[in-house]
Amino acid sequence: MTTPQLRNINAKCPPGNTRASRLHILGASGSGVTTLGSNLSKALSVPVFDVDDYYWILTDPPFTTKRPIPDRISILKPVLARAQEEHGGWILAGSMCSWGEVFDGDVEHVIFVDTSTEVRMKRLGEREYRRHGERIREGGDMYEESTAFLKWAERYEDPTLDEGRSRRMHEEWLKKVKVPVTRLDGDVEESVLINGALEGLEREAKV
């Protein structure tokens, strides 16, 4: 994968204005949140933290055991505090609408990546095989788990979906957000997505 060509992010903001440095990026599975978080981390020189690393306990097969909510919070809080002290900011990549309200007051800007089901499912299928190989094929030890995950991810737009990430849950959460929100089309090329995010941050910094 080639490195995205980034627009100039060093333009000065008006006196007294600064670009947000504590960001939360979210979207459906396969929407491009992780990739955008990584690219923004490089562009803004702040660390990015994948919410899944705190949500799940490390197991094999992976993503089978949820970490208790108090443990997620107690592990993540000092990580973010250290990032703020050492780097002046941080990026959270991933959905935490159902348990991360304790961090809402620390976030300065939210980015919502809205990606079509077709694009997401193609990415997820490729990612599953890249991560787990033949284990997800029929007869493999992760076949049932991977198949169930993909079926769940495909239902993101289903208004009746009650478990985990869904369009309805995200939209309801976004209505309550007290900080600026940038909405991005996740179907676009990687370079367009990162530049759109930077433009959203710069636009808010000039307000």
C-alpha atoms as a PDB file:
ATOM      1  CA  MET A   1       0.000   0.000   0.000  1.00  0.00           C
ATOM      2  CA  THR A   2       1.385   3.397  -0.929  1.00  0.00           C
ATOM      3  CA  THR A   3       1.609   6.180   1.620  1.00  0.00           C
ATOM      4  CA  PRO A   4      -1.223   8.706   1.166  1.00  0.00           C
ATOM      5  CA  GLN A   5      -0.194  12.128  -0.076  1.00  0.00           C
ATOM      6  CA  LEU A   6      -1.196  14.509   2.695  1.00  0.00           C
ATOM      7  CA  ARG A   7      -2.178  18.098   2.187  1.00  0.00           C
ATOM      8  CA  ASN A   8      -0.258  20.788   4.068  1.00  0.00           C
ATOM      9  CA  ILE A   9      -1.306  20.544   7.710  1.00  0.00           C
ATOM     10  CA  ASN A  10       1.147  23.119   8.994  1.00  0.00           C
ATOM     11  CA  ALA A  11      -0.874  26.200   8.090  1.00  0.00           C
ATOM     12  CA  LYS A  12      -1.197  28.420  11.126  1.00  0.00           C
ATOM     13  CA  CYS A  13      -4.539  28.727  12.857  1.00  0.00           C
ATOM     14  CA  PRO A  14      -5.822  32.164  13.880  1.00  0.00           C
ATOM     15  CA  PRO A  15      -4.288  33.531  17.112  1.00  0.00           C
ATOM     16  CA  GLY A  16      -5.708  31.779  20.159  1.00  0.00           C
ATOM     17  CA  ASN A  17      -7.024  28.853  18.119  1.00  0.00           C
ATOM     18  CA  THR A  18      -5.510  25.389  18.062  1.00  0.00           C
ATOM     19  CA  ARG A  19      -6.387  22.210  16.225  1.00  0.00           C
ATOM     20  CA  ALA A  20      -8.063  19.527  18.348  1.00  0.00           C
ATOM     21  CA  SER A  21      -5.520  17.002  19.596  1.00  0.00           C
ATOM     22  CA  ARG A  22      -7.746  14.472  21.410  1.00  0.00           C
ATOM     23  CA  LEU A  23      -9.809  12.666  18.801  1.00  0.00           C
ATOM     24  CA  HIS A  24     -12.287   9.810  18.718  1.00  0.00           C
ATOM     25  CA  ILE A  25     -12.846   8.045  15.384  1.00  0.00           C
ATOM     26  CA  LEU A  26     -15.681   5.566  14.954  1.00  0.00           C
ATOM     27  CA  GLY A  27     -17.683   3.753  12.312  1.00  0.00           C
ATOM     28  CA  ALA A  28     -18.960   0.317  11.359  1.00  0.00           C
ATOM     29  CA  SER A  29     -16.626  -2.671  11.171  1.00  0.00           C
ATOM     30  CA  GLY A  30     -14.556  -2.372   8.012  1.00  0.00           C
ATOM     31  CA  SER A  31     -15.307   1.327   7.572  1.00  0.00           C
ATOM     32  CA  GLY A  32     -11.639   2.342   7.626  1.00  0.00           C
ATOM     33  CA  VAL A  33     -11.421   3.666  11.184  1.00  0.00           C
ATOM     34  CA  THR A  34      -8.173   1.873  12.016  1.00  0.00           C
ATOM     35  CA  THR A  35      -6.439   3.005   8.832  1.00  0.00           C
ATOM     36  CA  LEU A  36      -7.607   6.590   9.269  1.00  0.00           C
ATOM     37  CA  GLY A  37      -6.447   6.552  12.878  1.00  0.00           C
ATOM     38  CA  SER A  38      -3.000   5.373  11.834  1.00  0.00           C
ATOM     39  CA  ASN A  39      -2.710   8.031   9.133  1.00  0.00           C
ATOM     40  CA  LEU A  40      -3.928  10.807  11.428  1.00  0.00           C
ATOM     41  CA  SER A  41      -1.470   9.654  14.073  1.00  0.00           C
ATOM     42  CA  LYS A  42       1.388  10.220  11.625  1.00  0.00           C
ATOM     43  CA  ALA A  43      -0.009  13.525  10.375  1.00  0.00           C
ATOM     44  CA  LEU A  44      -0.636  15.003  13.827  1.00  0.00           C
ATOM     45  CA  SER A  45       2.282  13.341  15.644  1.00  0.00           C
ATOM     46  CA  VAL A  46       0.096  11.894  18.387  1.00  0.00           C
ATOM     47  CA  PRO A  47      -0.324   8.192  19.268  1.00  0.00           C
ATOM     48  CA  VAL A  48      -3.370   6.184  18.227  1.00  0.00           C
ATOM     49  CA  PHE A  49      -5.005   3.511  20.364  1.00  0.00           C
ATOM     50  CA  ASP A  50      -7.270   0.803  18.957  1.00  0.00           C
ATOM     51  CA  VAL A  51     -10.308   0.388  21.199  1.00  0.00           C
ATOM     52  CA  ASP A  52     -10.436  -3.345  20.423  1.00  0.00           C
ATOM     53  CA  ASP A  53      -7.107  -3.804  22.204  1.00  0.00           C
ATOM     54  CA  TYR A  54      -8.829  -2.787  25.442  1.00  0.00           C
ATOM     55  CA  TYR A  55     -12.258  -4.286  24.733  1.00  0.00           C
ATOM     56  CA  TRP A  56     -11.005  -7.838  24.185  1.00  0.00           C
ATOM     57  CA  ILE A  57      -8.768 -10.076  26.280  1.00  0.00           C
ATOM     58  CA  LEU A  58      -5.980 -11.576  24.172  1.00  0.00           C
ATOM     59  CA  THR A  59      -7.007 -15.154  23.318  1.00  0.00           C
ATOM     60  CA  ASP A  60      -6.566 -17.743  20.565  1.00  0.00           C
ATOM     61  CA  PRO A  61      -8.882 -17.751  18.693  1.00  0.00           C
ATOM     62  CA  PRO A  62      -9.059 -13.960  19.167  1.00  0.00           C
ATOM     63  CA  PHE A  63     -12.071 -11.753  19.911  1.00  0.00           C
ATOM     64  CA  THR A  64     -13.863 -14.340  22.045  1.00  0.00           C
ATOM     65  CA  THR A  65     -13.570 -12.947  25.587  1.00  0.00           C
ATOM     66  CA  LYS A  66     -14.627  -9.416  26.510  1.00  0.00           C
ATOM     67  CA  ARG A  67     -12.641  -7.566  29.143  1.00  0.00           C
ATOM     68  CA  PRO A  68     -14.880  -6.315  31.997  1.00  0.00           C
ATOM     69  CA  ILE A  69     -15.788  -2.644  31.555  1.00  0.00           C
ATOM     70  CA  PRO A  70     -14.073  -1.458  34.778  1.00  0.00           C
ATOM     71  CA  ASP A  71     -10.869  -3.143  33.611  1.00  0.00           C
ATOM     72  CA  ARG A  72     -11.046  -1.504  30.171  1.00  0.00           C
ATOM     73  CA  ILE A  73     -11.373   1.896  31.784  1.00  0.00           C
ATOM     74  CA  SER A  74      -8.676   1.353  34.416  1.00  0.00           C
ATOM     75  CA  ILE A  75      -6.194   0.227  31.751  1.00  0.00           C
ATOM     76  CA  LEU A  76      -7.014   2.892  29.164  1.00  0.00           C
ATOM     77  CA  LYS A  77      -7.198   5.971  31.428  1.00  0.00           C
ATOM     78  CA  PRO A  78      -3.508   6.050  32.402  1.00  0.00           C
ATOM     79  CA  VAL A  79      -2.513   5.246  28.812  1.00  0.00           C
ATOM     80  CA  LEU A  80      -4.342   8.339  27.557  1.00  0.00           C
ATOM     81  CA  ALA A  81      -3.027  10.468  30.416  1.00  0.00           C
ATOM     82  CA  ARG A  82       0.537   9.486  29.565  1.00  0.00           C
ATOM     83  CA  ALA A  83      -0.046  10.164  25.862  1.00  0.00           C
ATOM     84  CA  GLN A  84      -1.394  13.613  26.696  1.00  0.00           C
ATOM     85  CA  GLU A  85       1.603  14.389  28.881  1.00  0.00           C
ATOM     86  CA  GLU A  86       4.233  13.072  26.477  1.00  0.00           C
ATOM     87  CA  HIS A  87       2.698  13.911  23.089  1.00  0.00           C
ATOM     88  CA  GLY A  88       0.079  16.572  23.751  1.00  0.00           C
ATOM     89  CA  GLY A  89      -2.813  14.453  22.524  1.00  0.00           C
ATOM     90  CA  TRP A  90      -4.088  11.083  21.359  1.00  0.00           C
ATOM     91  CA  ILE A  91      -6.484   9.331  19.001  1.00  0.00           C
ATOM     92  CA  LEU A  92      -9.002   6.664  19.974  1.00  0.00           C
ATOM     93  CA  ALA A  93      -9.953   4.453  17.029  1.00  0.00           C
ATOM     94  CA  GLY A  94     -13.072   2.356  17.459  1.00  0.00           C
ATOM     95  CA  SER A  95     -16.560   2.351  18.868  1.00  0.00           C
ATOM     96  CA  MET A  96     -17.061   2.638  22.624  1.00  0.00           C
ATOM     97  CA  CYS A  97     -20.541   4.161  22.713  1.00  0.00           C
ATOM     98  CA  SER A  98     -21.935   1.616  25.173  1.00  0.00           C
ATOM     99  CA  TRP A  99     -19.191   1.855  27.796  1.00  0.00           C
ATOM    100  CA  GLY A 100     -16.780   4.755  27.180  1.00  0.00           C
ATOM    101  CA  GLU A 101     -18.792   7.689  28.497  1.00  0.00           C
ATOM    102  CA  VAL A 102     -16.117   8.294  31.137  1.00  0.00           C
ATOM    103  CA  PHE A 103     -13.850   9.502  28.300  1.00  0.00           C
ATOM    104  CA  ASP A 104     -16.422  11.750  26.609  1.00  0.00           C
ATOM    105  CA  GLY A 105     -15.271  14.837  28.491  1.00  0.00           C
ATOM    106  CA  ASP A 106     -11.687  14.366  27.313  1.00  0.00           C
ATOM    107  CA  VAL A 107     -12.456  14.083  23.588  1.00  0.00           C
ATOM    108  CA  GLU A 108     -12.178  17.351  21.611  1.00  0.00           C
ATOM    109  CA  HIS A 109     -13.367  16.191  18.193  1.00  0.00           C
ATOM    110  CA  VAL A 110     -15.278  13.172  16.877  1.00  0.00           C
ATOM    111  CA  ILE A 111     -14.850  11.740  13.376  1.00  0.00           C
ATOM    112  CA  PHE A 112     -17.529   9.409  12.027  1.00  0.00           C
ATOM    113  CA  VAL A 113     -16.544   7.301   9.011  1.00  0.00           C
ATOM    114  CA  ASP A 114     -19.614   6.313   6.985  1.00  0.00           C
ATOM    115  CA  THR A 115     -18.828   3.476   4.562  1.00  0.00           C
ATOM    116  CA  SER A 116     -21.159   1.461   2.340  1.00  0.00           C
ATOM    117  CA  THR A 117     -21.941  -2.145   3.241  1.00  0.00           C
ATOM    118  CA  GLU A 118     -20.498  -3.415  -0.043  1.00  0.00           C
ATOM    119  CA  VAL A 119     -17.129  -1.772   0.528  1.00  0.00           C
ATOM    120  CA  ARG A 120     -17.011  -2.773   4.192  1.00  0.00           C
ATOM    121  CA  MET A 121     -17.768  -6.424   3.563  1.00  0.00           C
ATOM    122  CA  LYS A 122     -15.124  -6.679   0.859  1.00  0.00           C
ATOM    123  CA  ARG A 123     -12.547  -5.198   3.215  1.00  0.00           C
ATOM    124  CA  LEU A 124     -13.620  -7.421   6.097  1.00  0.00           C
ATOM    125  CA  GLY A 125     -13.437 -10.590   4.024  1.00  0.00           C
ATOM    126  CA  GLU A 126      -9.918  -9.704   2.922  1.00  0.00           C
ATOM    127  CA  ARG A 127      -8.908  -8.725   6.444  1.00  0.00           C
ATOM    128  CA  GLU A 128     -10.224 -11.946   7.961  1.00  0.00           C
ATOM    129  CA  TYR A 129      -8.167 -14.048   5.566  1.00  0.00           C
ATOM    130  CA  ARG A 130      -5.102 -11.836   5.974  1.00  0.00           C
ATOM    131  CA  ARG A 131      -5.264 -12.241   9.750  1.00  0.00           C
ATOM    132  CA  HIS A 132      -6.273 -15.882  10.060  1.00  0.00           C
ATOM    133  CA  GLY A 133      -5.622 -17.566   6.723  1.00  0.00           C
ATOM    134  CA  GLU A 134      -7.092 -21.032   6.152  1.00  0.00           C
ATOM    135  CA  ARG A 135      -8.419 -21.145   9.709  1.00  0.00           C
ATOM    136  CA  ILE A 136     -11.537 -19.257   8.534  1.00  0.00           C
ATOM    137  CA  ARG A 137     -12.243 -21.603   5.627  1.00  0.00           C
ATOM    138  CA  GLU A 138     -14.868 -24.346   5.998  1.00  0.00           C
ATOM    139  CA  GLY A 139     -13.368 -27.024   8.214  1.00  0.00           C
ATOM    140  CA  GLY A 140     -10.997 -24.589   9.908  1.00  0.00           C
ATOM    141  CA  ASP A 141     -11.134 -23.982  13.658  1.00  0.00           C
ATOM    142  CA  MET A 142     -12.252 -20.361  13.129  1.00  0.00           C
ATOM    143  CA  TYR A 143     -14.794 -20.955  10.348  1.00  0.00           C
ATOM    144  CA  GLU A 144     -17.927 -20.630  12.501  1.00  0.00           C
ATOM    145  CA  GLU A 145     -16.568 -17.652  14.436  1.00  0.00           C
ATOM    146  CA  SER A 146     -15.535 -15.774  11.291  1.00  0.00           C
ATOM    147  CA  THR A 147     -18.796 -16.547   9.496  1.00  0.00           C
ATOM    148  CA  ALA A 148     -20.825 -15.309  12.470  1.00  0.00           C
ATOM    149  CA  PHE A 149     -18.748 -12.129  12.673  1.00  0.00           C
ATOM    150  CA  LEU A 150     -19.241 -11.307   8.997  1.00  0.00           C
ATOM    151  CA  LYS A 151     -22.993 -11.908   9.241  1.00  0.00           C
ATOM    152  CA  TRP A 152     -23.149  -9.589  12.246  1.00  0.00           C
ATOM    153  CA  ALA A 153     -21.070  -6.888  10.530  1.00  0.00           C
ATOM    154  CA  GLU A 154     -23.318  -7.013   7.472  1.00  0.00           C
ATOM    155  CA  ARG A 155     -26.320  -6.106   9.644  1.00  0.00           C
ATOM    156  CA  TYR A 156     -24.937  -2.703  10.673  1.00  0.00           C
ATOM    157  CA  GLU A 157     -27.719  -0.865   8.803  1.00  0.00           C
ATOM    158  CA  ASP A 158     -30.432  -3.126  10.285  1.00  0.00           C
ATOM    159  CA  PRO A 159     -32.515  -1.002  12.712  1.00  0.00           C
ATOM    160  CA  THR A 160     -33.483  -4.140  14.658  1.00  0.00           C
ATOM    161  CA  LEU A 161     -29.880  -5.028  15.520  1.00  0.00           C
ATOM    162  CA  ASP A 162     -29.596  -4.741  19.292  1.00  0.00           C
ATOM    163  CA  GLU A 163     -26.159  -6.226  19.951  1.00  0.00           C
ATOM    164  CA  GLY A 164     -22.969  -4.294  19.274  1.00  0.00           C
ATOM    165  CA  ARG A 165     -22.294  -1.642  16.676  1.00  0.00           C
ATOM    166  CA  SER A 166     -25.187  -0.509  14.512  1.00  0.00           C
ATOM    167  CA  ARG A 167     -26.163   2.570  12.521  1.00  0.00           C
ATOM    168  CA  ARG A 168     -28.936   3.290  14.995  1.00  0.00           C
ATOM    169  CA  MET A 169     -26.634   3.128  18.016  1.00  0.00           C
ATOM    170  CA  HIS A 170     -24.028   5.372  16.401  1.00  0.00           C
ATOM    171  CA  GLU A 171     -26.527   7.983  15.227  1.00  0.00           C
ATOM    172  CA  GLU A 172     -28.163   8.133  18.658  1.00  0.00           C
ATOM    173  CA  TRP A 173     -24.769   8.538  20.300  1.00  0.00           C
ATOM    174  CA  LEU A 174     -23.670  11.241  17.849  1.00  0.00           C
ATOM    175  CA  LYS A 175     -26.760  13.314  18.700  1.00  0.00           C
ATOM    176  CA  LYS A 176     -25.513  13.557  22.288  1.00  0.00           C
ATOM    177  CA  VAL A 177     -21.930  14.529  21.468  1.00  0.00           C
ATOM    178  CA  LYS A 178     -20.997  17.978  22.800  1.00  0.00           C
ATOM    179  CA  VAL A 179     -17.908  18.498  20.631  1.00  0.00           C
ATOM    180  CA  PRO A 180     -17.540  19.059  16.869  1.00  0.00           C
ATOM    181  CA  VAL A 181     -18.277  16.058  14.643  1.00  0.00           C
ATOM    182  CA  THR A 182     -16.782  15.514  11.196  1.00  0.00           C
ATOM    183  CA  ARG A 183     -18.602  13.004   8.969  1.00  0.00           C
ATOM    184  CA  LEU A 184     -16.558  11.379   6.225  1.00  0.00           C
ATOM    185  CA  ASP A 185     -17.389   9.119   3.286  1.00  0.00           C
ATOM    186  CA  GLY A 186     -15.364   5.962   3.838  1.00  0.00           C
ATOM    187  CA  ASP A 187     -15.805   4.732   0.257  1.00  0.00           C
ATOM    188  CA  VAL A 188     -13.220   7.212  -1.029  1.00  0.00           C
ATOM    189  CA  GLU A 189      -9.513   6.619  -1.521  1.00  0.00           C
ATOM    190  CA  GLU A 190      -7.315   6.586   1.558  1.00  0.00           C
ATOM    191  CA  SER A 191      -5.625   9.897   0.696  1.00  0.00           C
ATOM    192  CA  VAL A 192      -8.993  11.618   0.216  1.00  0.00           C
ATOM    193  CA  LEU A 193     -10.220  10.307   3.566  1.00  0.00           C
ATOM    194  CA  ILE A 194      -7.221  11.512   5.564  1.00  0.00           C
ATOM    195  CA  ASN A 195      -7.264  14.910   3.895  1.00  0.00           C
ATOM    196  CA  GLY A 196     -10.990  15.228   4.600  1.00  0.00           C
ATOM    197  CA  ALA A 197     -10.319  14.530   8.265  1.00  0.00           C
ATOM    198  CA  LEU A 198      -7.542  17.128   8.409  1.00  0.00           C
ATOM    199  CA  GLU A 199      -9.762  19.693   6.709  1.00  0.00           C
ATOM    200  CA  GLY A 200     -12.471  19.044   9.302  1.00  0.00           C
ATOM    201  CA  LEU A 201     -10.026  19.618  12.137  1.00  0.00           C
ATOM    202  CA  GLU A 202      -8.613  22.768  10.563  1.00  0.00           C
ATOM    203  CA  ARG A 203     -12.069  24.141   9.811  1.00  0.00           C
ATOM    204  CA  GLU A 204     -13.083  23.788  13.445  1.00  0.00           C
ATOM    205  CA  ALA A 205      -9.805  25.321  14.650  1.00  0.00           C
ATOM    206  CA  LYS A 206     -10.598  28.498  12.696  1.00  0.00           C
ATOM    207  CA  VAL A 207     -14.051  28.955  14.220  1.00  0.00           C
END
